[in-house]
């Protein structure tokens, strides 16, 4: 089916008080697994390519983006393409020509006034190109190998009044909020601040996004959706599923040299995790 638009998927999710799952992809196996998992769940999905993934692909956006677009167009469920955690203005300007309908522009590392100014400039350009744009306020720690911020550190949590003013001042279409999760967590021990999330949902007029979701227990994710999160970003959980499966295969078959068998098992493991997470966000039961 035709490539879906992130904004349309997310708007519908927000209106229904549900959430769209967005999975970060690095390889073609990631792309195929996310689509297979979403098809098994019968759910639309967002494929996300981060700036870090582009760096891994030797700075070239188009090879992975073109593969993702082709796979999405052959999918049995709506699939959108999102460019994630973009800091480079050069990369931002590649998005509309590479099949992306949305971008997360990340100036959250900057002081509030600079974040607001940089994001507003990015939004003006993006909207002129027909791109839907997400930004971040507060800091979801753990990115680029940095340790997560202490929960009480300045800027570690999104302030509701600042969030309301930030959205009004920038014109962003969605806002990633810092409420206790962190990127790159390999244990599911993050504790979300649900009271803060409800306050944010009450004053911010655009859909809210949760980053660092791999470290949040299922019950926390389900509650976050109920409290106002409309897009849930997942990356590390897929990588753990893939690497775990590949590691087991190579341990059991040290003589193996053909990469197809372990990569296929890794792809299957990621697809199962995609289906499982989509079920959690829909309020289904799963492992704790």
C-alpha atoms as a PDB file:
ATOM      1  CA  UNK A   1       0.000   0.000   0.000  1.00  0.00           C
ATOM      2  CA  UNK A   2       1.154   3.631  -0.372  1.00  0.00           C
ATOM      3  CA  UNK A   3       3.571   4.994   2.196  1.00  0.00           C
ATOM      4  CA  UNK A   4       1.624   6.348   5.181  1.00  0.00           C
ATOM      5  CA  UNK A   5       2.180   9.746   6.792  1.00  0.00           C
ATOM      6  CA  UNK A   6       3.420   9.775  10.388  1.00  0.00           C
ATOM      7  CA  UNK A   7       1.298  12.801  11.215  1.00  0.00           C
ATOM      8  CA  UNK A   8      -1.898  11.120  10.083  1.00  0.00           C
ATOM      9  CA  UNK A   9      -1.143   7.937  12.033  1.00  0.00           C
ATOM     10  CA  UNK A  10      -0.238   9.839  15.175  1.00  0.00           C
ATOM     11  CA  UNK A  11      -3.168  12.220  14.983  1.00  0.00           C
ATOM     12  CA  UNK A  12      -5.577   9.294  14.765  1.00  0.00           C
ATOM     13  CA  UNK A  13      -3.853   7.571  17.677  1.00  0.00           C
ATOM     14  CA  UNK A  14      -4.033  10.698  19.836  1.00  0.00           C
ATOM     15  CA  UNK A  15      -7.709  11.207  19.045  1.00  0.00           C
ATOM     16  CA  UNK A  16      -8.417   7.582  19.992  1.00  0.00           C
ATOM     17  CA  UNK A  17      -6.358   7.865  23.209  1.00  0.00           C
ATOM     18  CA  UNK A  18      -4.118   5.115  21.876  1.00  0.00           C
ATOM     19  CA  UNK A  19      -0.479   5.072  20.727  1.00  0.00           C
ATOM     20  CA  UNK A  20       1.400   4.284  17.552  1.00  0.00           C
ATOM     21  CA  UNK A  21       4.551   2.190  17.919  1.00  0.00           C
ATOM     22  CA  UNK A  22       7.677   3.597  16.260  1.00  0.00           C
ATOM     23  CA  UNK A  23      10.709   1.334  15.879  1.00  0.00           C
ATOM     24  CA  UNK A  24      14.253   2.427  15.118  1.00  0.00           C
ATOM     25  CA  UNK A  25      15.851   0.464  12.284  1.00  0.00           C
ATOM     26  CA  UNK A  26      19.519   0.030  11.414  1.00  0.00           C
ATOM     27  CA  UNK A  27      19.626  -2.827   8.908  1.00  0.00           C
ATOM     28  CA  UNK A  28      17.313  -4.243   6.260  1.00  0.00           C
ATOM     29  CA  UNK A  29      16.595  -7.083   8.702  1.00  0.00           C
ATOM     30  CA  UNK A  30      15.264  -4.490  11.163  1.00  0.00           C
ATOM     31  CA  UNK A  31      12.984  -3.046   8.486  1.00  0.00           C
ATOM     32  CA  UNK A  32      11.646  -6.443   7.475  1.00  0.00           C
ATOM     33  CA  UNK A  33      11.148  -7.497  11.100  1.00  0.00           C
ATOM     34  CA  UNK A  34       9.218  -4.371  12.050  1.00  0.00           C
ATOM     35  CA  UNK A  35       6.876  -4.747   9.100  1.00  0.00           C
ATOM     36  CA  UNK A  36       6.381  -8.479   9.698  1.00  0.00           C
ATOM     37  CA  UNK A  37       5.662  -7.876  13.373  1.00  0.00           C
ATOM     38  CA  UNK A  38       3.192  -5.096  12.583  1.00  0.00           C
ATOM     39  CA  UNK A  39       1.451  -7.265   9.997  1.00  0.00           C
ATOM     40  CA  UNK A  40       1.121 -10.052  12.564  1.00  0.00           C
ATOM     41  CA  UNK A  41      -0.450  -7.556  14.950  1.00  0.00           C
ATOM     42  CA  UNK A  42      -2.635  -6.028  12.222  1.00  0.00           C
ATOM     43  CA  UNK A  43      -1.408  -2.585  13.214  1.00  0.00           C
ATOM     44  CA  UNK A  44       0.063   0.467  11.470  1.00  0.00           C
ATOM     45  CA  UNK A  45       3.643   1.233  12.409  1.00  0.00           C
ATOM     46  CA  UNK A  46       6.385   3.840  12.036  1.00  0.00           C
ATOM     47  CA  UNK A  47       9.883   2.973  10.806  1.00  0.00           C
ATOM     48  CA  UNK A  48      12.470   5.328  12.291  1.00  0.00           C
ATOM     49  CA  UNK A  49      15.972   6.017  10.977  1.00  0.00           C
ATOM     50  CA  UNK A  50      18.095   7.986  13.434  1.00  0.00           C
ATOM     51  CA  UNK A  51      20.996  10.292  12.682  1.00  0.00           C
ATOM     52  CA  UNK A  52      23.212   7.753  14.455  1.00  0.00           C
ATOM     53  CA  UNK A  53      21.987   5.021  12.105  1.00  0.00           C
ATOM     54  CA  UNK A  54      22.862   7.247   9.150  1.00  0.00           C
ATOM     55  CA  UNK A  55      26.366   7.688  10.584  1.00  0.00           C
ATOM     56  CA  UNK A  56      26.655   3.902  10.875  1.00  0.00           C
ATOM     57  CA  UNK A  57      25.666   3.635   7.217  1.00  0.00           C
ATOM     58  CA  UNK A  58      28.716   5.753   6.353  1.00  0.00           C
ATOM     59  CA  UNK A  59      26.742   8.974   6.347  1.00  0.00           C
ATOM     60  CA  UNK A  60      24.462   7.887   3.498  1.00  0.00           C
ATOM     61  CA  UNK A  61      20.735   8.205   4.153  1.00  0.00           C
ATOM     62  CA  UNK A  62      19.331   7.013   0.854  1.00  0.00           C
ATOM     63  CA  UNK A  63      20.312   3.303   0.749  1.00  0.00           C
ATOM     64  CA  UNK A  64      18.434   2.394   3.942  1.00  0.00           C
ATOM     65  CA  UNK A  65      15.662   4.922   3.273  1.00  0.00           C
ATOM     66  CA  UNK A  66      15.019   3.584  -0.226  1.00  0.00           C
ATOM     67  CA  UNK A  67      14.904   0.016   1.102  1.00  0.00           C
ATOM     68  CA  UNK A  68      12.482   1.066   3.848  1.00  0.00           C
ATOM     69  CA  UNK A  69      10.203   2.860   1.393  1.00  0.00           C
ATOM     70  CA  UNK A  70      10.098  -0.159  -0.916  1.00  0.00           C
ATOM     71  CA  UNK A  71       9.362  -2.527   1.968  1.00  0.00           C
ATOM     72  CA  UNK A  72       6.680  -0.191   3.331  1.00  0.00           C
ATOM     73  CA  UNK A  73       4.937   0.014  -0.029  1.00  0.00           C
ATOM     74  CA  UNK A  74       4.691  -3.782  -0.109  1.00  0.00           C
ATOM     75  CA  UNK A  75       3.373  -4.063   3.447  1.00  0.00           C
ATOM     76  CA  UNK A  76      -0.128  -5.211   4.343  1.00  0.00           C
ATOM     77  CA  UNK A  77      -0.482  -2.511   7.010  1.00  0.00           C
ATOM     78  CA  UNK A  78       0.129   1.259   6.845  1.00  0.00           C
ATOM     79  CA  UNK A  79       3.821   2.068   7.362  1.00  0.00           C
ATOM     80  CA  UNK A  80       5.300   5.549   7.779  1.00  0.00           C
ATOM     81  CA  UNK A  81       8.926   6.663   7.649  1.00  0.00           C
ATOM     82  CA  UNK A  82      10.358   9.015  10.301  1.00  0.00           C
ATOM     83  CA  UNK A  83      13.835  10.580  10.573  1.00  0.00           C
ATOM     84  CA  UNK A  84      14.807  10.487  14.238  1.00  0.00           C
ATOM     85  CA  UNK A  85      17.021  12.617  16.521  1.00  0.00           C
ATOM     86  CA  UNK A  86      18.257  14.915  13.781  1.00  0.00           C
ATOM     87  CA  UNK A  87      20.780  17.551  14.798  1.00  0.00           C
ATOM     88  CA  UNK A  88      22.325  18.146  11.401  1.00  0.00           C
ATOM     89  CA  UNK A  89      20.553  20.740   9.264  1.00  0.00           C
ATOM     90  CA  UNK A  90      22.067  19.061   6.198  1.00  0.00           C
ATOM     91  CA  UNK A  91      20.434  15.754   7.109  1.00  0.00           C
ATOM     92  CA  UNK A  92      17.146  17.516   7.895  1.00  0.00           C
ATOM     93  CA  UNK A  93      17.064  18.875   4.363  1.00  0.00           C
ATOM     94  CA  UNK A  94      17.473  15.401   2.881  1.00  0.00           C
ATOM     95  CA  UNK A  95      14.301  14.105   4.515  1.00  0.00           C
ATOM     96  CA  UNK A  96      11.563  15.148   2.069  1.00  0.00           C
ATOM     97  CA  UNK A  97      13.437  13.703  -0.918  1.00  0.00           C
ATOM     98  CA  UNK A  98      14.085  10.365   0.780  1.00  0.00           C
ATOM     99  CA  UNK A  99      10.493   9.351   1.564  1.00  0.00           C
ATOM    100  CA  UNK A 100      10.232  10.703   5.109  1.00  0.00           C
ATOM    101  CA  UNK A 101       6.979  12.373   6.112  1.00  0.00           C
ATOM    102  CA  UNK A 102       8.252  13.437   9.535  1.00  0.00           C
ATOM    103  CA  UNK A 103      11.396  14.411  11.414  1.00  0.00           C
ATOM    104  CA  UNK A 104      12.340  14.586  15.080  1.00  0.00           C
ATOM    105  CA  UNK A 105      14.545  17.694  15.291  1.00  0.00           C
ATOM    106  CA  UNK A 106      16.655  17.410  18.428  1.00  0.00           C
ATOM    107  CA  UNK A 107      17.963  20.635  19.941  1.00  0.00           C
ATOM    108  CA  UNK A 108      17.194  19.463  23.494  1.00  0.00           C
ATOM    109  CA  UNK A 109      20.873  19.624  24.474  1.00  0.00           C
ATOM    110  CA  UNK A 110      20.736  23.413  24.128  1.00  0.00           C
ATOM    111  CA  UNK A 111      19.541  25.871  26.793  1.00  0.00           C
ATOM    112  CA  UNK A 112      15.788  26.487  26.577  1.00  0.00           C
ATOM    113  CA  UNK A 113      15.934  29.784  24.609  1.00  0.00           C
ATOM    114  CA  UNK A 114      18.349  28.293  22.068  1.00  0.00           C
ATOM    115  CA  UNK A 115      16.326  25.085  21.783  1.00  0.00           C
ATOM    116  CA  UNK A 116      13.205  27.153  21.120  1.00  0.00           C
ATOM    117  CA  UNK A 117      14.893  29.350  18.496  1.00  0.00           C
ATOM    118  CA  UNK A 118      16.592  26.475  16.659  1.00  0.00           C
ATOM    119  CA  UNK A 119      13.442  24.349  16.686  1.00  0.00           C
ATOM    120  CA  UNK A 120      11.256  27.216  15.440  1.00  0.00           C
ATOM    121  CA  UNK A 121      13.609  27.728  12.490  1.00  0.00           C
ATOM    122  CA  UNK A 122      13.555  24.002  11.716  1.00  0.00           C
ATOM    123  CA  UNK A 123       9.755  23.907  11.960  1.00  0.00           C
ATOM    124  CA  UNK A 124       9.350  26.816   9.529  1.00  0.00           C
ATOM    125  CA  UNK A 125      11.511  25.054   6.954  1.00  0.00           C
ATOM    126  CA  UNK A 126       9.961  21.619   7.548  1.00  0.00           C
ATOM    127  CA  UNK A 127       6.380  22.815   7.281  1.00  0.00           C
ATOM    128  CA  UNK A 128       7.200  24.562   3.994  1.00  0.00           C
ATOM    129  CA  UNK A 129       8.305  21.143   2.699  1.00  0.00           C
ATOM    130  CA  UNK A 130       5.192  19.379   3.973  1.00  0.00           C
ATOM    131  CA  UNK A 131       7.059  17.642   6.785  1.00  0.00           C
ATOM    132  CA  UNK A 132       5.510  16.952  10.169  1.00  0.00           C
ATOM    133  CA  UNK A 133       7.977  17.717  12.964  1.00  0.00           C
ATOM    134  CA  UNK A 134       8.606  16.464  16.488  1.00  0.00           C
ATOM    135  CA  UNK A 135      10.911  18.070  19.064  1.00  0.00           C
ATOM    136  CA  UNK A 136      12.104  17.315  22.596  1.00  0.00           C
ATOM    137  CA  UNK A 137      11.938  19.379  25.771  1.00  0.00           C
ATOM    138  CA  UNK A 138      13.756  18.252  28.874  1.00  0.00           C
ATOM    139  CA  UNK A 139      16.352  15.560  28.314  1.00  0.00           C
ATOM    140  CA  UNK A 140      15.738  11.873  27.824  1.00  0.00           C
ATOM    141  CA  UNK A 141      19.215  10.748  28.874  1.00  0.00           C
ATOM    142  CA  UNK A 142      21.343   7.859  27.719  1.00  0.00           C
ATOM    143  CA  UNK A 143      21.843   9.029  24.132  1.00  0.00           C
ATOM    144  CA  UNK A 144      25.259   8.578  22.430  1.00  0.00           C
ATOM    145  CA  UNK A 145      26.576   6.573  25.358  1.00  0.00           C
ATOM    146  CA  UNK A 146      26.057   9.354  27.894  1.00  0.00           C
ATOM    147  CA  UNK A 147      24.720   8.278  31.292  1.00  0.00           C
ATOM    148  CA  UNK A 148      21.100   9.033  32.024  1.00  0.00           C
ATOM    149  CA  UNK A 149      20.474  12.184  34.015  1.00  0.00           C
ATOM    150  CA  UNK A 150      19.540  11.885  37.648  1.00  0.00           C
ATOM    151  CA  UNK A 151      15.772  12.204  37.932  1.00  0.00           C
ATOM    152  CA  UNK A 152      16.135  15.418  39.920  1.00  0.00           C
ATOM    153  CA  UNK A 153      18.860  17.052  37.811  1.00  0.00           C
ATOM    154  CA  UNK A 154      17.986  20.412  36.223  1.00  0.00           C
ATOM    155  CA  UNK A 155      16.393  19.789  32.846  1.00  0.00           C
ATOM    156  CA  UNK A 156      15.910  16.083  33.439  1.00  0.00           C
ATOM    157  CA  UNK A 157      12.128  16.416  33.452  1.00  0.00           C
ATOM    158  CA  UNK A 158       9.878  18.408  31.142  1.00  0.00           C
ATOM    159  CA  UNK A 159       8.229  21.374  32.827  1.00  0.00           C
ATOM    160  CA  UNK A 160       4.534  21.666  31.837  1.00  0.00           C
ATOM    161  CA  UNK A 161       4.514  25.467  31.629  1.00  0.00           C
ATOM    162  CA  UNK A 162       7.670  25.485  29.516  1.00  0.00           C
ATOM    163  CA  UNK A 163       6.230  22.727  27.339  1.00  0.00           C
ATOM    164  CA  UNK A 164       3.047  24.697  26.656  1.00  0.00           C
ATOM    165  CA  UNK A 165       5.037  27.823  25.781  1.00  0.00           C
ATOM    166  CA  UNK A 166       7.570  25.838  23.728  1.00  0.00           C
ATOM    167  CA  UNK A 167       4.863  24.318  21.524  1.00  0.00           C
ATOM    168  CA  UNK A 168       3.224  27.724  21.048  1.00  0.00           C
ATOM    169  CA  UNK A 169       6.559  29.370  20.252  1.00  0.00           C
ATOM    170  CA  UNK A 170       7.846  26.759  17.811  1.00  0.00           C
ATOM    171  CA  UNK A 171       4.749  25.346  16.122  1.00  0.00           C
ATOM    172  CA  UNK A 172       5.927  21.733  16.512  1.00  0.00           C
ATOM    173  CA  UNK A 173       3.470  18.970  15.691  1.00  0.00           C
ATOM    174  CA  UNK A 174       4.461  16.627  18.543  1.00  0.00           C
ATOM    175  CA  UNK A 175       6.579  16.832  21.658  1.00  0.00           C
ATOM    176  CA  UNK A 176       8.887  14.213  23.164  1.00  0.00           C
ATOM    177  CA  UNK A 177       8.775  14.600  26.929  1.00  0.00           C
ATOM    178  CA  UNK A 178      11.220  13.596  29.653  1.00  0.00           C
ATOM    179  CA  UNK A 179       9.268  11.773  32.354  1.00  0.00           C
ATOM    180  CA  UNK A 180      11.760   9.210  33.660  1.00  0.00           C
ATOM    181  CA  UNK A 181      12.778   6.990  30.749  1.00  0.00           C
ATOM    182  CA  UNK A 182      16.272   6.826  29.230  1.00  0.00           C
ATOM    183  CA  UNK A 183      17.744   5.720  25.931  1.00  0.00           C
ATOM    184  CA  UNK A 184      19.720   2.492  25.539  1.00  0.00           C
ATOM    185  CA  UNK A 185      18.444   0.806  28.715  1.00  0.00           C
ATOM    186  CA  UNK A 186      18.981  -2.961  28.704  1.00  0.00           C
ATOM    187  CA  UNK A 187      16.913  -3.533  31.855  1.00  0.00           C
ATOM    188  CA  UNK A 188      13.241  -2.692  32.137  1.00  0.00           C
ATOM    189  CA  UNK A 189      13.512  -0.769  35.378  1.00  0.00           C
ATOM    190  CA  UNK A 190      12.598   2.805  34.404  1.00  0.00           C
ATOM    191  CA  UNK A 191       9.921   4.397  36.567  1.00  0.00           C
ATOM    192  CA  UNK A 192       7.790   6.940  34.762  1.00  0.00           C
ATOM    193  CA  UNK A 193       6.369  10.028  36.463  1.00  0.00           C
ATOM    194  CA  UNK A 194       2.726   9.520  35.569  1.00  0.00           C
ATOM    195  CA  UNK A 195       1.527  12.513  37.546  1.00  0.00           C
ATOM    196  CA  UNK A 196       3.834  14.738  35.491  1.00  0.00           C
ATOM    197  CA  UNK A 197       2.687  13.059  32.282  1.00  0.00           C
ATOM    198  CA  UNK A 198      -0.958  13.773  33.104  1.00  0.00           C
ATOM    199  CA  UNK A 199      -0.077  17.424  33.792  1.00  0.00           C
ATOM    200  CA  UNK A 200       1.738  17.652  30.470  1.00  0.00           C
ATOM    201  CA  UNK A 201      -1.150  16.042  28.600  1.00  0.00           C
ATOM    202  CA  UNK A 202      -3.484  18.576  30.171  1.00  0.00           C
ATOM    203  CA  UNK A 203      -1.635  21.647  28.894  1.00  0.00           C
ATOM    204  CA  UNK A 204       0.233  20.593  25.740  1.00  0.00           C
ATOM    205  CA  UNK A 205      -2.051  20.765  22.673  1.00  0.00           C
ATOM    206  CA  UNK A 206      -0.035  18.358  20.478  1.00  0.00           C
ATOM    207  CA  UNK A 207       0.559  14.599  20.750  1.00  0.00           C
ATOM    208  CA  UNK A 208       3.163  13.508  23.311  1.00  0.00           C
ATOM    209  CA  UNK A 209       5.978  11.084  22.523  1.00  0.00           C
ATOM    210  CA  UNK A 210       7.867   8.697  24.821  1.00  0.00           C
ATOM    211  CA  UNK A 211      11.527   8.049  24.004  1.00  0.00           C
ATOM    212  CA  UNK A 212      13.649   5.410  25.725  1.00  0.00           C
ATOM    213  CA  UNK A 213      10.726   3.013  25.941  1.00  0.00           C
ATOM    214  CA  UNK A 214      12.783  -0.198  25.913  1.00  0.00           C
ATOM    215  CA  UNK A 215      13.606   0.352  29.586  1.00  0.00           C
ATOM    216  CA  UNK A 216       9.978   0.777  30.677  1.00  0.00           C
ATOM    217  CA  UNK A 217       8.048  -2.256  32.020  1.00  0.00           C
ATOM    218  CA  UNK A 218       4.904  -3.274  30.162  1.00  0.00           C
ATOM    219  CA  UNK A 219       2.653  -1.946  32.898  1.00  0.00           C
ATOM    220  CA  UNK A 220       4.399   1.427  32.663  1.00  0.00           C
ATOM    221  CA  UNK A 221       3.917   1.558  28.895  1.00  0.00           C
ATOM    222  CA  UNK A 222       0.240   0.682  29.118  1.00  0.00           C
ATOM    223  CA  UNK A 223      -0.270   3.339  31.799  1.00  0.00           C
ATOM    224  CA  UNK A 224       1.673   5.912  29.773  1.00  0.00           C
ATOM    225  CA  UNK A 225      -0.686   5.445  26.838  1.00  0.00           C
ATOM    226  CA  UNK A 226      -3.678   5.812  29.142  1.00  0.00           C
ATOM    227  CA  UNK A 227      -2.147   8.998  30.562  1.00  0.00           C
ATOM    228  CA  UNK A 228      -1.577  10.675  27.197  1.00  0.00           C
ATOM    229  CA  UNK A 229       1.413   9.253  25.302  1.00  0.00           C
ATOM    230  CA  UNK A 230       0.498   8.873  21.608  1.00  0.00           C
ATOM    231  CA  UNK A 231       3.798   7.655  20.103  1.00  0.00           C
ATOM    232  CA  UNK A 232       6.167   5.169  21.704  1.00  0.00           C
ATOM    233  CA  UNK A 233       9.735   4.921  20.385  1.00  0.00           C
ATOM    234  CA  UNK A 234      11.534   1.574  20.660  1.00  0.00           C
ATOM    235  CA  UNK A 235      15.066   0.712  19.588  1.00  0.00           C
ATOM    236  CA  UNK A 236      17.202  -1.130  22.115  1.00  0.00           C
ATOM    237  CA  UNK A 237      14.595  -3.867  22.682  1.00  0.00           C
ATOM    238  CA  UNK A 238      14.862  -4.875  19.029  1.00  0.00           C
ATOM    239  CA  UNK A 239      18.648  -4.855  19.110  1.00  0.00           C
ATOM    240  CA  UNK A 240      18.646  -7.031  22.227  1.00  0.00           C
ATOM    241  CA  UNK A 241      16.291  -9.500  20.546  1.00  0.00           C
ATOM    242  CA  UNK A 242      18.441  -9.663  17.443  1.00  0.00           C
ATOM    243  CA  UNK A 243      21.843  -9.895  19.131  1.00  0.00           C
ATOM    244  CA  UNK A 244      20.579 -12.415  21.687  1.00  0.00           C
ATOM    245  CA  UNK A 245      19.297 -14.691  18.964  1.00  0.00           C
ATOM    246  CA  UNK A 246      22.461 -14.361  16.849  1.00  0.00           C
ATOM    247  CA  UNK A 247      24.683 -14.953  19.888  1.00  0.00           C
ATOM    248  CA  UNK A 248      22.804 -18.155  20.795  1.00  0.00           C
ATOM    249  CA  UNK A 249      23.091 -19.475  17.255  1.00  0.00           C
ATOM    250  CA  UNK A 250      26.832 -18.800  17.024  1.00  0.00           C
ATOM    251  CA  UNK A 251      27.411 -20.358  20.441  1.00  0.00           C
ATOM    252  CA  UNK A 252      25.602 -23.510  19.327  1.00  0.00           C
ATOM    253  CA  UNK A 253      27.147 -23.480  15.838  1.00  0.00           C
ATOM    254  CA  UNK A 254      30.713 -22.139  16.153  1.00  0.00           C
ATOM    255  CA  UNK A 255      31.562 -23.597  12.754  1.00  0.00           C
ATOM    256  CA  UNK A 256      28.931 -21.471  10.952  1.00  0.00           C
ATOM    257  CA  UNK A 257      30.119 -19.051   8.280  1.00  0.00           C
ATOM    258  CA  UNK A 258      26.893 -18.311   6.367  1.00  0.00           C
ATOM    259  CA  UNK A 259      25.279 -15.210   7.914  1.00  0.00           C
ATOM    260  CA  UNK A 260      21.799 -15.996   6.625  1.00  0.00           C
ATOM    261  CA  UNK A 261      20.787 -18.489   9.315  1.00  0.00           C
ATOM    262  CA  UNK A 262      21.662 -16.293  12.335  1.00  0.00           C
ATOM    263  CA  UNK A 263      20.322 -13.157  10.660  1.00  0.00           C
ATOM    264  CA  UNK A 264      17.041 -14.914   9.863  1.00  0.00           C
ATOM    265  CA  UNK A 265      16.692 -16.002  13.484  1.00  0.00           C
ATOM    266  CA  UNK A 266      17.484 -12.454  14.573  1.00  0.00           C
ATOM    267  CA  UNK A 267      14.876 -11.079  12.209  1.00  0.00           C
ATOM    268  CA  UNK A 268      12.268 -13.491  13.558  1.00  0.00           C
ATOM    269  CA  UNK A 269      13.112 -12.556  17.154  1.00  0.00           C
ATOM    270  CA  UNK A 270      12.731  -8.858  16.381  1.00  0.00           C
ATOM    271  CA  UNK A 271       9.420  -9.451  14.610  1.00  0.00           C
ATOM    272  CA  UNK A 272       8.055 -11.259  17.669  1.00  0.00           C
ATOM    273  CA  UNK A 273       9.139  -8.379  19.894  1.00  0.00           C
ATOM    274  CA  UNK A 274       7.430  -5.864  17.590  1.00  0.00           C
ATOM    275  CA  UNK A 275       4.177  -7.830  17.754  1.00  0.00           C
ATOM    276  CA  UNK A 276       4.468  -8.112  21.526  1.00  0.00           C
ATOM    277  CA  UNK A 277       5.091  -4.411  22.088  1.00  0.00           C
ATOM    278  CA  UNK A 278       2.234  -3.386  19.832  1.00  0.00           C
ATOM    279  CA  UNK A 279      -0.006  -5.642  21.906  1.00  0.00           C
ATOM    280  CA  UNK A 280       1.202  -4.016  25.125  1.00  0.00           C
ATOM    281  CA  UNK A 281       0.413  -0.548  23.766  1.00  0.00           C
ATOM    282  CA  UNK A 282      -3.043  -1.735  22.804  1.00  0.00           C
ATOM    283  CA  UNK A 283      -3.609  -2.774  26.409  1.00  0.00           C
ATOM    284  CA  UNK A 284      -3.104  -6.489  25.825  1.00  0.00           C
ATOM    285  CA  UNK A 285      -1.510  -8.829  28.301  1.00  0.00           C
ATOM    286  CA  UNK A 286       2.148  -9.810  28.073  1.00  0.00           C
ATOM    287  CA  UNK A 287       5.084 -10.754  30.243  1.00  0.00           C
ATOM    288  CA  UNK A 288       5.826  -8.380  33.111  1.00  0.00           C
END
